[in-house]
Every structure is written in structure tokens, then in C-alpha cells.
Amino acid sequence: MLRTNFDEELTKLHNQFYSMGTQVSAQLNRAVRAFVSRDYEMADEIIEDDTKINALEVKLETKSFEMIALQQPVSGDLRTIITVLKASSDLERVGDHAASIAKTLKNIPEDAPLLGVESDISAMGEKVKMLLDASLNAYIQGDDARAREIVKHDKEIDDLADDIQRSVLVAMQERQDQIEMGKDYILTLMHLERIGDFAKNVCEWVVYLKTGELIEL
């Protein structure tokens, strides 16, 4: 009976973590859309909704510590709880960066011209979201081999960020009045790159969950 209750709690923990992941992924998608379309109203909503993401992380953290203290899990069960505990922290940081992209947009005047790289930033955002979603699916499936494969796509994101940054720098050189806005674009690229890094972290926790190895992919 005790084991049945514990398994139920473990399943709830899994589901809550995945639910948090899907909400964070949606936040990322909205943040990129808001930035490239200059949707200031959506940016406000994203910034406001970040508190909900933070609350989910606290809820998972509290539940994880509670299960460790009261159930005293061993071996694989403990690894599962630790994985949720650590990976949910990575998801919370993804949410922070999504909110930061929205805040960066708020620095750009509504009548400011486009820099011409918006479609590229949108494409980069899609790649980052795909990386995050794939890492969450690897977690749900408990597929450490898939997790090891997913992280290889991070280089594509880094390369795309470098290409976009070069274009932004050219625009900044050609028009001095776009220097401040160009900095905001570069800052957004940095936030997207960091989100990719946190998605990689989730993959590393999947490997830990299945193998017990703490490795850097």
C-alpha cells in the first residue's frame, strides 16, 4: 500500500514537471513572436506570467524535498526525484530568459525601424523551442540515447546566432541611430542561446536519470 502511494506521488511529480515544461515552451514561443512582431501587449503578458512559472518551480521543489524527507527513497526513485528537482530549476531559468526577451522588446521604441533579421530570429527561436521540446520528450520517454543525440543540434543554434549577430553589427555600423536597438537584438540572441544551454542541461539530467552518470554533453 505504501509503495502504491509512493508510485502515485512519483507519477504526479513526473506529470507536473512535464506540464511545467510545456508552459515554459509556450512562454518561449510567445516571447519570440512578441519580439519579432513588436507585440508590446503580449510582452507585458509574458513578463506577468513569469511569476506563474516561478511558482510551479517552487511547488515541484517543495514536493521533491517532501518526498525525500518522508519517503526516504533509494536508488532509481531517488534519481527520479533529484532529476525533477534539478531539471525544474533549468526550466525556471528558461522562463526567466523568455521574460527577459519580452523585457528587451520593451526597451525598443514602438516606431523604431526593423533591422531586417526578424525572420532569422524567428527561425532561431523555432530551433531553440524544438531543442527544448525534444529534451522534454526524452525525459518523458526516459530515452538517454535520444538525449545524447538532441544536444548535437545546439551547434546549429550557436551558428545561426553568430550569423544573425553579424548582420545586426553591419546594420549598427551603417546607421548610428540603430546602435542602441542593435544591442537589444544581440541581447535577445544571447537569451535564446542560453535557453538552448538549459535545454541541454535537461538532456544531461535525462542521462543521469537512466544511468546515474553526471556528465556534460
N, C-alpha and C. Protein backbone atom coordinates (compact mmCIF):
# COMPACT_ATOMS: atom_id res chain seq x y z
N MET A 1 0.83 -1.21 0.00
CA MET A 1 0.00 0.00 0.00
C MET A 1 0.87 1.26 0.00
N LEU A 2 1.92 1.26 0.85
CA LEU A 2 2.81 2.41 0.92
C LEU A 2 3.51 2.63 -0.41
N ARG A 3 3.94 1.50 -1.05
CA ARG A 3 4.63 1.59 -2.32
C ARG A 3 3.68 2.14 -3.39
N THR A 4 2.43 1.71 -3.35
CA THR A 4 1.45 2.19 -4.32
C THR A 4 1.27 3.70 -4.21
N ASN A 5 1.16 4.19 -2.98
CA ASN A 5 1.03 5.63 -2.75
C ASN A 5 2.24 6.39 -3.25
N PHE A 6 3.42 5.82 -2.99
CA PHE A 6 4.67 6.47 -3.42
C PHE A 6 4.73 6.53 -4.95
N ASP A 7 4.36 5.45 -5.62
CA ASP A 7 4.35 5.42 -7.08
C ASP A 7 3.40 6.46 -7.65
N GLU A 8 2.27 6.62 -6.98
CA GLU A 8 1.30 7.62 -7.43
C GLU A 8 1.87 9.03 -7.29
N GLU A 9 2.56 9.26 -6.18
CA GLU A 9 3.18 10.57 -5.97
C GLU A 9 4.28 10.82 -6.99
N LEU A 10 5.02 9.77 -7.33
CA LEU A 10 6.09 9.87 -8.32
C LEU A 10 5.50 10.20 -9.70
N THR A 11 4.39 9.57 -10.02
CA THR A 11 3.72 9.84 -11.30
C THR A 11 3.24 11.28 -11.36
N LYS A 12 2.68 11.76 -10.26
CA LYS A 12 2.24 13.16 -10.19
C LYS A 12 3.40 14.11 -10.40
N LEU A 13 4.55 13.76 -9.81
CA LEU A 13 5.74 14.59 -9.93
C LEU A 13 6.18 14.66 -11.40
N HIS A 14 6.19 13.50 -12.06
CA HIS A 14 6.51 13.43 -13.49
C HIS A 14 5.59 14.35 -14.28
N ASN A 15 4.30 14.20 -14.06
CA ASN A 15 3.30 14.94 -14.82
C ASN A 15 3.39 16.44 -14.58
N GLN A 16 3.63 16.84 -13.33
CA GLN A 16 3.76 18.25 -13.00
C GLN A 16 5.00 18.86 -13.67
N PHE A 17 6.08 18.07 -13.70
CA PHE A 17 7.30 18.56 -14.35
C PHE A 17 7.06 18.77 -15.84
N TYR A 18 6.42 17.78 -16.48
CA TYR A 18 6.17 17.90 -17.92
C TYR A 18 5.21 19.05 -18.21
N SER A 19 4.22 19.24 -17.35
CA SER A 19 3.28 20.35 -17.50
C SER A 19 4.01 21.68 -17.41
N MET A 20 4.94 21.78 -16.46
CA MET A 20 5.74 22.99 -16.35
C MET A 20 6.55 23.20 -17.63
N GLY A 21 7.10 22.13 -18.16
CA GLY A 21 7.90 22.21 -19.38
C GLY A 21 7.09 22.72 -20.56
N THR A 22 5.86 22.25 -20.71
CA THR A 22 5.03 22.69 -21.83
C THR A 22 4.66 24.17 -21.68
N GLN A 23 4.45 24.60 -20.45
CA GLN A 23 4.13 26.02 -20.21
C GLN A 23 5.34 26.91 -20.49
N VAL A 24 6.52 26.43 -20.12
CA VAL A 24 7.75 27.19 -20.38
C VAL A 24 8.00 27.27 -21.89
N SER A 25 7.77 26.16 -22.58
CA SER A 25 7.93 26.13 -24.03
C SER A 25 6.99 27.13 -24.71
N ALA A 26 5.77 27.20 -24.21
CA ALA A 26 4.79 28.15 -24.76
C ALA A 26 5.24 29.59 -24.50
N GLN A 27 5.82 29.83 -23.32
CA GLN A 27 6.33 31.16 -22.99
C GLN A 27 7.44 31.56 -23.96
N LEU A 28 8.33 30.62 -24.23
CA LEU A 28 9.43 30.88 -25.17
C LEU A 28 8.88 31.24 -26.54
N ASN A 29 7.93 30.46 -27.01
CA ASN A 29 7.33 30.70 -28.33
C ASN A 29 6.69 32.08 -28.40
N ARG A 30 5.96 32.44 -27.35
CA ARG A 30 5.30 33.74 -27.32
C ARG A 30 6.31 34.88 -27.25
N ALA A 31 7.39 34.67 -26.50
CA ALA A 31 8.40 35.72 -26.36
C ALA A 31 9.05 36.05 -27.71
N VAL A 32 9.37 35.01 -28.46
CA VAL A 32 9.98 35.23 -29.77
C VAL A 32 8.99 35.91 -30.72
N ARG A 33 7.76 35.43 -30.71
CA ARG A 33 6.72 36.04 -31.57
C ARG A 33 6.50 37.50 -31.21
N ALA A 34 6.48 37.79 -29.91
CA ALA A 34 6.29 39.17 -29.47
C ALA A 34 7.43 40.06 -29.94
N PHE A 35 8.65 39.54 -29.84
CA PHE A 35 9.82 40.35 -30.21
C PHE A 35 9.83 40.65 -31.70
N VAL A 36 9.65 39.63 -32.53
CA VAL A 36 9.78 39.84 -33.98
C VAL A 36 8.59 40.61 -34.56
N SER A 37 7.44 40.57 -33.88
CA SER A 37 6.26 41.29 -34.40
C SER A 37 6.00 42.59 -33.64
N ARG A 38 6.90 42.91 -32.70
CA ARG A 38 6.77 44.13 -31.88
C ARG A 38 5.41 44.18 -31.18
N ASP A 39 5.04 43.06 -30.56
CA ASP A 39 3.76 42.98 -29.85
C ASP A 39 4.01 43.30 -28.38
N TYR A 40 3.86 44.57 -28.04
CA TYR A 40 4.17 45.04 -26.68
C TYR A 40 3.17 44.54 -25.66
N GLU A 41 1.93 44.36 -26.10
CA GLU A 41 0.90 43.84 -25.18
C GLU A 41 1.21 42.40 -24.78
N MET A 42 1.62 41.59 -25.75
CA MET A 42 2.00 40.22 -25.45
C MET A 42 3.23 40.19 -24.54
N ALA A 43 4.15 41.11 -24.76
CA ALA A 43 5.35 41.18 -23.93
C ALA A 43 4.97 41.41 -22.47
N ASP A 44 4.00 42.29 -22.24
CA ASP A 44 3.54 42.54 -20.87
C ASP A 44 2.97 41.27 -20.24
N GLU A 45 2.21 40.52 -21.03
CA GLU A 45 1.61 39.27 -20.53
C GLU A 45 2.68 38.25 -20.17
N ILE A 46 3.71 38.15 -21.00
CA ILE A 46 4.80 37.20 -20.75
C ILE A 46 5.53 37.54 -19.46
N ILE A 47 5.81 38.81 -19.28
CA ILE A 47 6.51 39.25 -18.06
C ILE A 47 5.66 38.93 -16.82
N GLU A 48 4.36 39.17 -16.94
CA GLU A 48 3.45 38.91 -15.82
C GLU A 48 3.35 37.40 -15.54
N ASP A 49 3.29 36.60 -16.60
CA ASP A 49 3.13 35.15 -16.45
C ASP A 49 4.38 34.46 -15.91
N ASP A 50 5.51 35.15 -15.92
CA ASP A 50 6.74 34.54 -15.41
C ASP A 50 6.60 34.16 -13.94
N THR A 51 5.78 34.89 -13.19
CA THR A 51 5.57 34.56 -11.78
C THR A 51 4.90 33.20 -11.62
N LYS A 52 4.06 32.84 -12.61
CA LYS A 52 3.39 31.53 -12.57
C LYS A 52 4.41 30.41 -12.77
N ILE A 53 5.37 30.63 -13.67
CA ILE A 53 6.43 29.65 -13.90
C ILE A 53 7.26 29.48 -12.64
N ASN A 54 7.59 30.60 -12.01
CA ASN A 54 8.38 30.54 -10.76
C ASN A 54 7.63 29.76 -9.69
N ALA A 55 6.32 29.97 -9.61
CA ALA A 55 5.51 29.27 -8.61
C ALA A 55 5.49 27.76 -8.86
N LEU A 56 5.46 27.37 -10.13
CA LEU A 56 5.48 25.94 -10.47
C LEU A 56 6.79 25.30 -10.03
N GLU A 57 7.88 26.03 -10.23
CA GLU A 57 9.20 25.51 -9.82
C GLU A 57 9.28 25.33 -8.31
N VAL A 58 8.75 26.31 -7.57
CA VAL A 58 8.73 26.22 -6.10
C VAL A 58 7.87 25.04 -5.66
N LYS A 59 6.75 24.83 -6.33
CA LYS A 59 5.85 23.72 -5.99
C LYS A 59 6.55 22.37 -6.20
N LEU A 60 7.24 22.23 -7.32
CA LEU A 60 7.96 20.99 -7.60
C LEU A 60 9.11 20.78 -6.62
N GLU A 61 9.80 21.86 -6.31
CA GLU A 61 10.92 21.77 -5.37
C GLU A 61 10.43 21.34 -3.99
N THR A 62 9.35 21.96 -3.55
CA THR A 62 8.78 21.63 -2.24
C THR A 62 8.34 20.17 -2.18
N LYS A 63 7.67 19.72 -3.24
CA LYS A 63 7.20 18.34 -3.30
C LYS A 63 8.37 17.36 -3.33
N SER A 64 9.41 17.69 -4.06
CA SER A 64 10.58 16.82 -4.16
C SER A 64 11.25 16.65 -2.80
N PHE A 65 11.47 17.76 -2.10
CA PHE A 65 12.09 17.68 -0.78
C PHE A 65 11.21 16.92 0.21
N GLU A 66 9.90 17.12 0.07
CA GLU A 66 8.95 16.43 0.95
C GLU A 66 9.03 14.92 0.75
N MET A 67 9.11 14.50 -0.52
CA MET A 67 9.19 13.07 -0.81
C MET A 67 10.50 12.46 -0.33
N ILE A 68 11.58 13.21 -0.46
CA ILE A 68 12.88 12.72 0.02
C ILE A 68 12.86 12.57 1.54
N ALA A 69 12.28 13.56 2.22
CA ALA A 69 12.27 13.55 3.69
C ALA A 69 11.33 12.49 4.26
N LEU A 70 10.14 12.35 3.66
CA LEU A 70 9.14 11.47 4.24
C LEU A 70 9.21 10.03 3.72
N GLN A 71 9.59 9.88 2.47
CA GLN A 71 9.59 8.54 1.87
C GLN A 71 10.96 7.87 1.91
N GLN A 72 12.01 8.68 2.07
CA GLN A 72 13.39 8.17 2.08
C GLN A 72 13.64 7.21 0.91
N PRO A 73 13.42 7.69 -0.32
CA PRO A 73 13.58 6.83 -1.50
C PRO A 73 15.04 6.43 -1.71
N VAL A 74 15.24 5.32 -2.39
CA VAL A 74 16.59 4.84 -2.66
C VAL A 74 16.76 4.62 -4.16
N SER A 75 18.00 4.55 -4.58
CA SER A 75 18.39 4.18 -5.94
C SER A 75 17.63 4.95 -7.02
N GLY A 76 16.95 4.20 -7.91
CA GLY A 76 16.29 4.82 -9.06
C GLY A 76 15.23 5.83 -8.69
N ASP A 77 14.49 5.57 -7.62
CA ASP A 77 13.45 6.51 -7.19
C ASP A 77 14.06 7.85 -6.77
N LEU A 78 15.18 7.77 -6.08
CA LEU A 78 15.85 8.99 -5.63
C LEU A 78 16.38 9.76 -6.83
N ARG A 79 16.91 9.03 -7.80
CA ARG A 79 17.41 9.69 -9.01
C ARG A 79 16.28 10.42 -9.74
N THR A 80 15.11 9.81 -9.75
CA THR A 80 13.96 10.44 -10.40
C THR A 80 13.62 11.76 -9.73
N ILE A 81 13.58 11.75 -8.43
CA ILE A 81 13.22 12.97 -7.68
C ILE A 81 14.29 14.04 -7.87
N ILE A 82 15.55 13.63 -7.81
CA ILE A 82 16.65 14.59 -7.99
C ILE A 82 16.60 15.18 -9.40
N THR A 83 16.30 14.34 -10.39
CA THR A 83 16.20 14.81 -11.77
C THR A 83 15.13 15.89 -11.90
N VAL A 84 13.95 15.64 -11.33
CA VAL A 84 12.88 16.63 -11.38
C VAL A 84 13.29 17.91 -10.64
N LEU A 85 13.92 17.73 -9.50
CA LEU A 85 14.35 18.86 -8.68
C LEU A 85 15.32 19.76 -9.45
N LYS A 86 16.30 19.16 -10.10
CA LYS A 86 17.33 19.94 -10.80
C LYS A 86 16.84 20.44 -12.16
N ALA A 87 16.14 19.57 -12.89
CA ALA A 87 15.69 19.95 -14.23
C ALA A 87 14.60 21.03 -14.17
N SER A 88 13.79 21.02 -13.13
CA SER A 88 12.77 22.06 -12.99
C SER A 88 13.41 23.42 -12.75
N SER A 89 14.57 23.41 -12.11
CA SER A 89 15.32 24.66 -11.92
C SER A 89 15.81 25.19 -13.27
N ASP A 90 16.23 24.27 -14.16
CA ASP A 90 16.65 24.67 -15.51
C ASP A 90 15.46 25.24 -16.28
N LEU A 91 14.29 24.63 -16.14
CA LEU A 91 13.10 25.14 -16.82
C LEU A 91 12.72 26.53 -16.32
N GLU A 92 12.87 26.73 -15.03
CA GLU A 92 12.57 28.04 -14.46
C GLU A 92 13.48 29.11 -15.05
N ARG A 93 14.74 28.75 -15.29
CA ARG A 93 15.69 29.69 -15.89
C ARG A 93 15.31 29.97 -17.35
N VAL A 94 14.79 28.96 -18.04
CA VAL A 94 14.29 29.18 -19.41
C VAL A 94 13.17 30.22 -19.38
N GLY A 95 12.26 30.06 -18.41
CA GLY A 95 11.18 31.03 -18.26
C GLY A 95 11.70 32.43 -18.00
N ASP A 96 12.75 32.52 -17.19
CA ASP A 96 13.36 33.83 -16.91
C ASP A 96 13.89 34.48 -18.18
N HIS A 97 14.55 33.67 -19.01
CA HIS A 97 15.12 34.21 -20.25
C HIS A 97 14.02 34.60 -21.24
N ALA A 98 12.93 33.84 -21.26
CA ALA A 98 11.80 34.21 -22.12
C ALA A 98 11.24 35.56 -21.68
N ALA A 99 11.10 35.74 -20.36
CA ALA A 99 10.62 37.02 -19.83
C ALA A 99 11.62 38.14 -20.14
N SER A 100 12.90 37.82 -20.12
CA SER A 100 13.93 38.83 -20.42
C SER A 100 13.85 39.28 -21.88
N ILE A 101 13.50 38.35 -22.78
CA ILE A 101 13.31 38.72 -24.19
C ILE A 101 12.16 39.72 -24.30
N ALA A 102 11.09 39.46 -23.56
CA ALA A 102 9.95 40.37 -23.55
C ALA A 102 10.35 41.74 -22.99
N LYS A 103 11.16 41.73 -21.94
CA LYS A 103 11.63 42.99 -21.34
C LYS A 103 12.54 43.75 -22.30
N THR A 104 13.33 43.01 -23.07
CA THR A 104 14.20 43.64 -24.06
C THR A 104 13.39 44.36 -25.12
N LEU A 105 12.29 43.73 -25.55
CA LEU A 105 11.40 44.38 -26.52
C LEU A 105 10.89 45.70 -25.97
N LYS A 106 10.59 45.73 -24.68
CA LYS A 106 10.03 46.94 -24.06
C LYS A 106 11.01 48.11 -24.13
N ASN A 107 12.31 47.80 -24.35
CA ASN A 107 13.32 48.86 -24.47
C ASN A 107 13.30 49.51 -25.86
N ILE A 108 12.68 48.84 -26.81
CA ILE A 108 12.69 49.32 -28.20
C ILE A 108 11.47 50.21 -28.44
N PRO A 109 11.66 51.42 -28.91
CA PRO A 109 10.52 52.31 -29.19
C PRO A 109 9.58 51.69 -30.23
N GLU A 110 8.30 51.94 -30.08
CA GLU A 110 7.31 51.34 -30.98
C GLU A 110 7.48 51.79 -32.42
N ASP A 111 8.03 52.98 -32.63
CA ASP A 111 8.20 53.48 -34.00
C ASP A 111 9.59 53.19 -34.56
N ALA A 112 10.38 52.40 -33.84
CA ALA A 112 11.73 52.08 -34.31
C ALA A 112 11.67 51.19 -35.55
N PRO A 113 12.59 51.37 -36.50
CA PRO A 113 12.58 50.56 -37.72
C PRO A 113 13.02 49.12 -37.43
N LEU A 114 12.60 48.21 -38.29
CA LEU A 114 13.06 46.83 -38.18
C LEU A 114 14.49 46.74 -38.70
N LEU A 115 15.24 45.78 -38.20
CA LEU A 115 16.63 45.63 -38.63
C LEU A 115 16.78 44.65 -39.79
N GLY A 116 15.69 43.96 -40.15
CA GLY A 116 15.75 43.06 -41.28
C GLY A 116 16.19 41.65 -40.96
N VAL A 117 16.37 41.35 -39.67
CA VAL A 117 16.78 39.99 -39.27
C VAL A 117 15.68 39.30 -38.47
N GLU A 118 14.49 39.88 -38.48
CA GLU A 118 13.40 39.35 -37.66
C GLU A 118 13.03 37.91 -38.04
N SER A 119 12.99 37.62 -39.33
CA SER A 119 12.65 36.25 -39.75
C SER A 119 13.73 35.26 -39.32
N ASP A 120 14.98 35.72 -39.30
CA ASP A 120 16.07 34.85 -38.85
C ASP A 120 15.98 34.57 -37.34
N ILE A 121 15.60 35.61 -36.57
CA ILE A 121 15.41 35.42 -35.14
C ILE A 121 14.25 34.48 -34.88
N SER A 122 13.19 34.61 -35.69
CA SER A 122 12.05 33.70 -35.57
C SER A 122 12.48 32.26 -35.84
N ALA A 123 13.31 32.06 -36.86
CA ALA A 123 13.80 30.72 -37.20
C ALA A 123 14.68 30.16 -36.08
N MET A 124 15.50 31.04 -35.50
CA MET A 124 16.34 30.61 -34.38
C MET A 124 15.47 30.22 -33.19
N GLY A 125 14.43 31.01 -32.94
CA GLY A 125 13.52 30.70 -31.85
C GLY A 125 12.85 29.34 -32.03
N GLU A 126 12.50 29.03 -33.26
CA GLU A 126 11.88 27.73 -33.55
C GLU A 126 12.85 26.59 -33.27
N LYS A 127 14.11 26.78 -33.65
CA LYS A 127 15.13 25.74 -33.40
C LYS A 127 15.34 25.54 -31.90
N VAL A 128 15.37 26.64 -31.15
CA VAL A 128 15.56 26.55 -29.70
C VAL A 128 14.36 25.84 -29.07
N LYS A 129 13.16 26.18 -29.52
CA LYS A 129 11.96 25.54 -28.99
C LYS A 129 11.95 24.04 -29.31
N MET A 130 12.38 23.69 -30.52
CA MET A 130 12.44 22.28 -30.89
C MET A 130 13.41 21.52 -30.00
N LEU A 131 14.54 22.17 -29.66
CA LEU A 131 15.53 21.56 -28.78
C LEU A 131 14.94 21.34 -27.38
N LEU A 132 14.23 22.35 -26.89
CA LEU A 132 13.61 22.25 -25.57
C LEU A 132 12.53 21.17 -25.55
N ASP A 133 11.66 21.18 -26.56
CA ASP A 133 10.59 20.18 -26.63
C ASP A 133 11.14 18.77 -26.74
N ALA A 134 12.20 18.61 -27.53
CA ALA A 134 12.82 17.30 -27.70
C ALA A 134 13.42 16.80 -26.39
N SER A 135 14.01 17.71 -25.63
CA SER A 135 14.60 17.31 -24.33
C SER A 135 13.51 16.88 -23.36
N LEU A 136 12.35 17.55 -23.39
CA LEU A 136 11.23 17.18 -22.53
C LEU A 136 10.67 15.81 -22.93
N ASN A 137 10.60 15.56 -24.24
CA ASN A 137 10.12 14.26 -24.72
C ASN A 137 11.09 13.15 -24.34
N ALA A 138 12.39 13.44 -24.39
CA ALA A 138 13.39 12.45 -23.99
C ALA A 138 13.21 12.11 -22.51
N TYR A 139 12.86 13.12 -21.72
CA TYR A 139 12.61 12.89 -20.29
C TYR A 139 11.40 11.98 -20.10
N ILE A 140 10.30 12.32 -20.77
CA ILE A 140 9.06 11.54 -20.62
C ILE A 140 9.27 10.09 -21.06
N GLN A 141 10.05 9.91 -22.13
CA GLN A 141 10.29 8.57 -22.65
C GLN A 141 11.44 7.86 -21.94
N GLY A 142 12.16 8.60 -21.09
CA GLY A 142 13.31 8.01 -20.40
C GLY A 142 14.36 7.53 -21.38
N ASP A 143 14.57 8.31 -22.45
CA ASP A 143 15.45 7.89 -23.55
C ASP A 143 16.78 8.65 -23.47
N ASP A 144 17.76 8.07 -22.80
CA ASP A 144 19.05 8.75 -22.65
C ASP A 144 19.83 8.78 -23.97
N ALA A 145 19.65 7.77 -24.82
CA ALA A 145 20.32 7.78 -26.12
C ALA A 145 19.82 8.95 -26.97
N ARG A 146 18.52 9.17 -26.92
CA ARG A 146 17.93 10.31 -27.64
C ARG A 146 18.43 11.62 -27.07
N ALA A 147 18.55 11.69 -25.76
CA ALA A 147 19.03 12.90 -25.10
C ALA A 147 20.45 13.24 -25.58
N ARG A 148 21.29 12.23 -25.74
CA ARG A 148 22.66 12.45 -26.21
C ARG A 148 22.68 12.97 -27.65
N GLU A 149 21.69 12.55 -28.45
CA GLU A 149 21.61 12.98 -29.85
C GLU A 149 21.10 14.42 -29.95
N ILE A 150 20.14 14.74 -29.10
CA ILE A 150 19.48 16.05 -29.17
C ILE A 150 20.48 17.19 -29.02
N VAL A 151 21.41 17.04 -28.07
CA VAL A 151 22.32 18.16 -27.76
C VAL A 151 23.22 18.52 -28.93
N LYS A 152 23.39 17.60 -29.88
CA LYS A 152 24.25 17.88 -31.04
C LYS A 152 23.69 19.01 -31.89
N HIS A 153 22.37 19.23 -31.78
CA HIS A 153 21.73 20.28 -32.58
C HIS A 153 21.97 21.68 -32.00
N ASP A 154 22.55 21.74 -30.82
CA ASP A 154 22.79 23.05 -30.19
C ASP A 154 23.77 23.88 -31.02
N LYS A 155 24.70 23.22 -31.70
CA LYS A 155 25.68 23.95 -32.52
C LYS A 155 24.98 24.70 -33.65
N GLU A 156 23.90 24.14 -34.19
CA GLU A 156 23.15 24.82 -35.24
C GLU A 156 22.61 26.15 -34.73
N ILE A 157 22.17 26.14 -33.48
CA ILE A 157 21.64 27.35 -32.86
C ILE A 157 22.74 28.38 -32.67
N ASP A 158 23.90 27.93 -32.18
CA ASP A 158 25.03 28.84 -31.98
C ASP A 158 25.50 29.45 -33.30
N ASP A 159 25.55 28.62 -34.36
CA ASP A 159 25.99 29.11 -35.66
C ASP A 159 25.01 30.13 -36.22
N LEU A 160 23.71 29.86 -36.06
CA LEU A 160 22.69 30.79 -36.54
C LEU A 160 22.77 32.11 -35.77
N ALA A 161 23.00 32.02 -34.46
CA ALA A 161 23.13 33.23 -33.65
C ALA A 161 24.31 34.08 -34.12
N ASP A 162 25.42 33.43 -34.47
CA ASP A 162 26.60 34.15 -34.97
C ASP A 162 26.29 34.86 -36.28
N ASP A 163 25.57 34.18 -37.17
CA ASP A 163 25.21 34.77 -38.47
C ASP A 163 24.32 36.00 -38.28
N ILE A 164 23.32 35.85 -37.41
CA ILE A 164 22.39 36.97 -37.18
C ILE A 164 23.13 38.14 -36.53
N GLN A 165 24.01 37.83 -35.59
CA GLN A 165 24.75 38.90 -34.91
C GLN A 165 25.60 39.69 -35.90
N ARG A 166 26.19 39.00 -36.85
CA ARG A 166 27.00 39.70 -37.86
C ARG A 166 26.12 40.67 -38.66
N SER A 167 24.93 40.23 -39.00
CA SER A 167 24.01 41.10 -39.75
C SER A 167 23.60 42.31 -38.92
N VAL A 168 23.37 42.08 -37.63
CA VAL A 168 22.99 43.19 -36.74
C VAL A 168 24.14 44.19 -36.63
N LEU A 169 25.35 43.70 -36.51
CA LEU A 169 26.51 44.58 -36.38
C LEU A 169 26.70 45.42 -37.64
N VAL A 170 26.43 44.84 -38.80
CA VAL A 170 26.52 45.60 -40.05
C VAL A 170 25.49 46.73 -40.04
N ALA A 171 24.27 46.42 -39.61
CA ALA A 171 23.22 47.44 -39.54
C ALA A 171 23.59 48.55 -38.57
N MET A 172 24.21 48.18 -37.47
CA MET A 172 24.63 49.17 -36.47
C MET A 172 25.73 50.08 -37.02
N GLN A 173 26.61 49.52 -37.86
CA GLN A 173 27.69 50.31 -38.45
C GLN A 173 27.17 51.27 -39.50
N GLU A 174 26.15 50.82 -40.23
CA GLU A 174 25.61 51.64 -41.31
C GLU A 174 24.76 52.79 -40.80
N ARG A 175 24.09 52.56 -39.65
CA ARG A 175 23.23 53.60 -39.10
C ARG A 175 23.49 53.76 -37.61
N GLN A 176 24.10 54.86 -37.26
CA GLN A 176 24.45 55.11 -35.86
C GLN A 176 23.23 55.19 -34.95
N ASP A 177 22.09 55.60 -35.52
CA ASP A 177 20.88 55.75 -34.69
C ASP A 177 20.27 54.39 -34.32
N GLN A 178 20.83 53.31 -34.88
CA GLN A 178 20.30 51.99 -34.58
C GLN A 178 21.20 51.21 -33.62
N ILE A 179 22.22 51.86 -33.09
CA ILE A 179 23.18 51.17 -32.22
C ILE A 179 22.50 50.63 -30.96
N GLU A 180 21.70 51.46 -30.28
CA GLU A 180 21.05 51.01 -29.05
C GLU A 180 20.09 49.86 -29.32
N MET A 181 19.31 49.97 -30.40
CA MET A 181 18.38 48.92 -30.74
C MET A 181 19.13 47.65 -31.13
N GLY A 182 20.25 47.81 -31.82
CA GLY A 182 21.06 46.66 -32.20
C GLY A 182 21.54 45.89 -30.98
N LYS A 183 21.86 46.61 -29.92
CA LYS A 183 22.27 45.96 -28.67
C LYS A 183 21.14 45.09 -28.11
N ASP A 184 19.91 45.58 -28.24
CA ASP A 184 18.76 44.81 -27.75
C ASP A 184 18.57 43.53 -28.57
N TYR A 185 18.83 43.63 -29.86
CA TYR A 185 18.74 42.44 -30.72
C TYR A 185 19.79 41.41 -30.31
N ILE A 186 21.00 41.89 -30.09
CA ILE A 186 22.09 40.99 -29.70
C ILE A 186 21.80 40.36 -28.34
N LEU A 187 21.21 41.14 -27.45
CA LEU A 187 20.84 40.62 -26.13
C LEU A 187 19.80 39.51 -26.27
N THR A 188 18.87 39.69 -27.18
CA THR A 188 17.85 38.66 -27.42
C THR A 188 18.49 37.37 -27.94
N LEU A 189 19.46 37.51 -28.83
CA LEU A 189 20.19 36.33 -29.33
C LEU A 189 20.88 35.60 -28.19
N MET A 190 21.46 36.37 -27.26
CA MET A 190 22.14 35.77 -26.11
C MET A 190 21.15 35.00 -25.23
N HIS A 191 19.96 35.57 -25.04
CA HIS A 191 18.94 34.88 -24.24
C HIS A 191 18.53 33.56 -24.90
N LEU A 192 18.38 33.57 -26.21
CA LEU A 192 18.00 32.35 -26.92
C LEU A 192 19.10 31.29 -26.84
N GLU A 193 20.34 31.73 -26.93
CA GLU A 193 21.46 30.79 -26.80
C GLU A 193 21.47 30.16 -25.41
N ARG A 194 21.21 30.96 -24.40
CA ARG A 194 21.20 30.45 -23.03
C ARG A 194 20.06 29.46 -22.83
N ILE A 195 18.93 29.72 -23.45
CA ILE A 195 17.81 28.78 -23.36
C ILE A 195 18.22 27.44 -23.97
N GLY A 196 18.94 27.49 -25.07
CA GLY A 196 19.46 26.26 -25.67
C GLY A 196 20.35 25.51 -24.71
N ASP A 197 21.16 26.25 -23.96
CA ASP A 197 22.05 25.63 -22.96
C ASP A 197 21.25 24.94 -21.85
N PHE A 198 20.18 25.58 -21.42
CA PHE A 198 19.36 24.98 -20.36
C PHE A 198 18.60 23.75 -20.87
N ALA A 199 18.23 23.77 -22.16
CA ALA A 199 17.62 22.57 -22.76
C ALA A 199 18.63 21.43 -22.76
N LYS A 200 19.88 21.75 -23.03
CA LYS A 200 20.95 20.74 -22.96
C LYS A 200 21.07 20.19 -21.55
N ASN A 201 20.94 21.06 -20.57
CA ASN A 201 21.01 20.61 -19.17
C ASN A 201 19.94 19.57 -18.87
N VAL A 202 18.73 19.80 -19.40
CA VAL A 202 17.65 18.83 -19.19
C VAL A 202 18.05 17.48 -19.77
N CYS A 203 18.69 17.50 -20.94
CA CYS A 203 19.17 16.24 -21.54
C CYS A 203 20.19 15.55 -20.64
N GLU A 204 21.05 16.34 -20.03
CA GLU A 204 22.05 15.77 -19.12
C GLU A 204 21.38 15.11 -17.92
N TRP A 205 20.28 15.70 -17.46
CA TRP A 205 19.55 15.10 -16.33
C TRP A 205 18.82 13.82 -16.75
N VAL A 206 18.43 13.75 -18.02
CA VAL A 206 17.83 12.51 -18.53
C VAL A 206 18.86 11.39 -18.50
N VAL A 207 20.09 11.71 -18.91
CA VAL A 207 21.17 10.72 -18.88
C VAL A 207 21.43 10.27 -17.44
N TYR A 208 21.44 11.23 -16.52
CA TYR A 208 21.63 10.90 -15.11
C TYR A 208 20.51 10.00 -14.60
N LEU A 209 19.28 10.33 -14.99
CA LEU A 209 18.11 9.56 -14.56
C LEU A 209 18.24 8.09 -14.96
N LYS A 210 18.70 7.86 -16.17
CA LYS A 210 18.76 6.49 -16.69
C LYS A 210 20.04 5.75 -16.32
N THR A 211 21.14 6.47 -16.14
CA THR A 211 22.43 5.80 -15.94
C THR A 211 23.08 6.06 -14.58
N GLY A 212 22.65 7.14 -13.93
CA GLY A 212 23.30 7.53 -12.67
C GLY A 212 24.57 8.32 -12.90
N GLU A 213 24.89 8.60 -14.17
CA GLU A 213 26.11 9.36 -14.50
C GLU A 213 25.80 10.86 -14.58
N LEU A 214 26.64 11.66 -13.94
CA LEU A 214 26.57 13.10 -14.08
C LEU A 214 27.61 13.51 -15.11
N ILE A 215 27.16 13.80 -16.32
CA ILE A 215 28.11 14.13 -17.40
C ILE A 215 27.71 15.42 -18.06
N GLU A 216 28.68 16.03 -18.75
CA GLU A 216 28.43 17.25 -19.51
C GLU A 216 28.39 16.86 -20.98
N LEU A 217 27.24 17.04 -21.61
CA LEU A 217 27.08 16.65 -23.01
C LEU A 217 27.55 17.77 -23.95
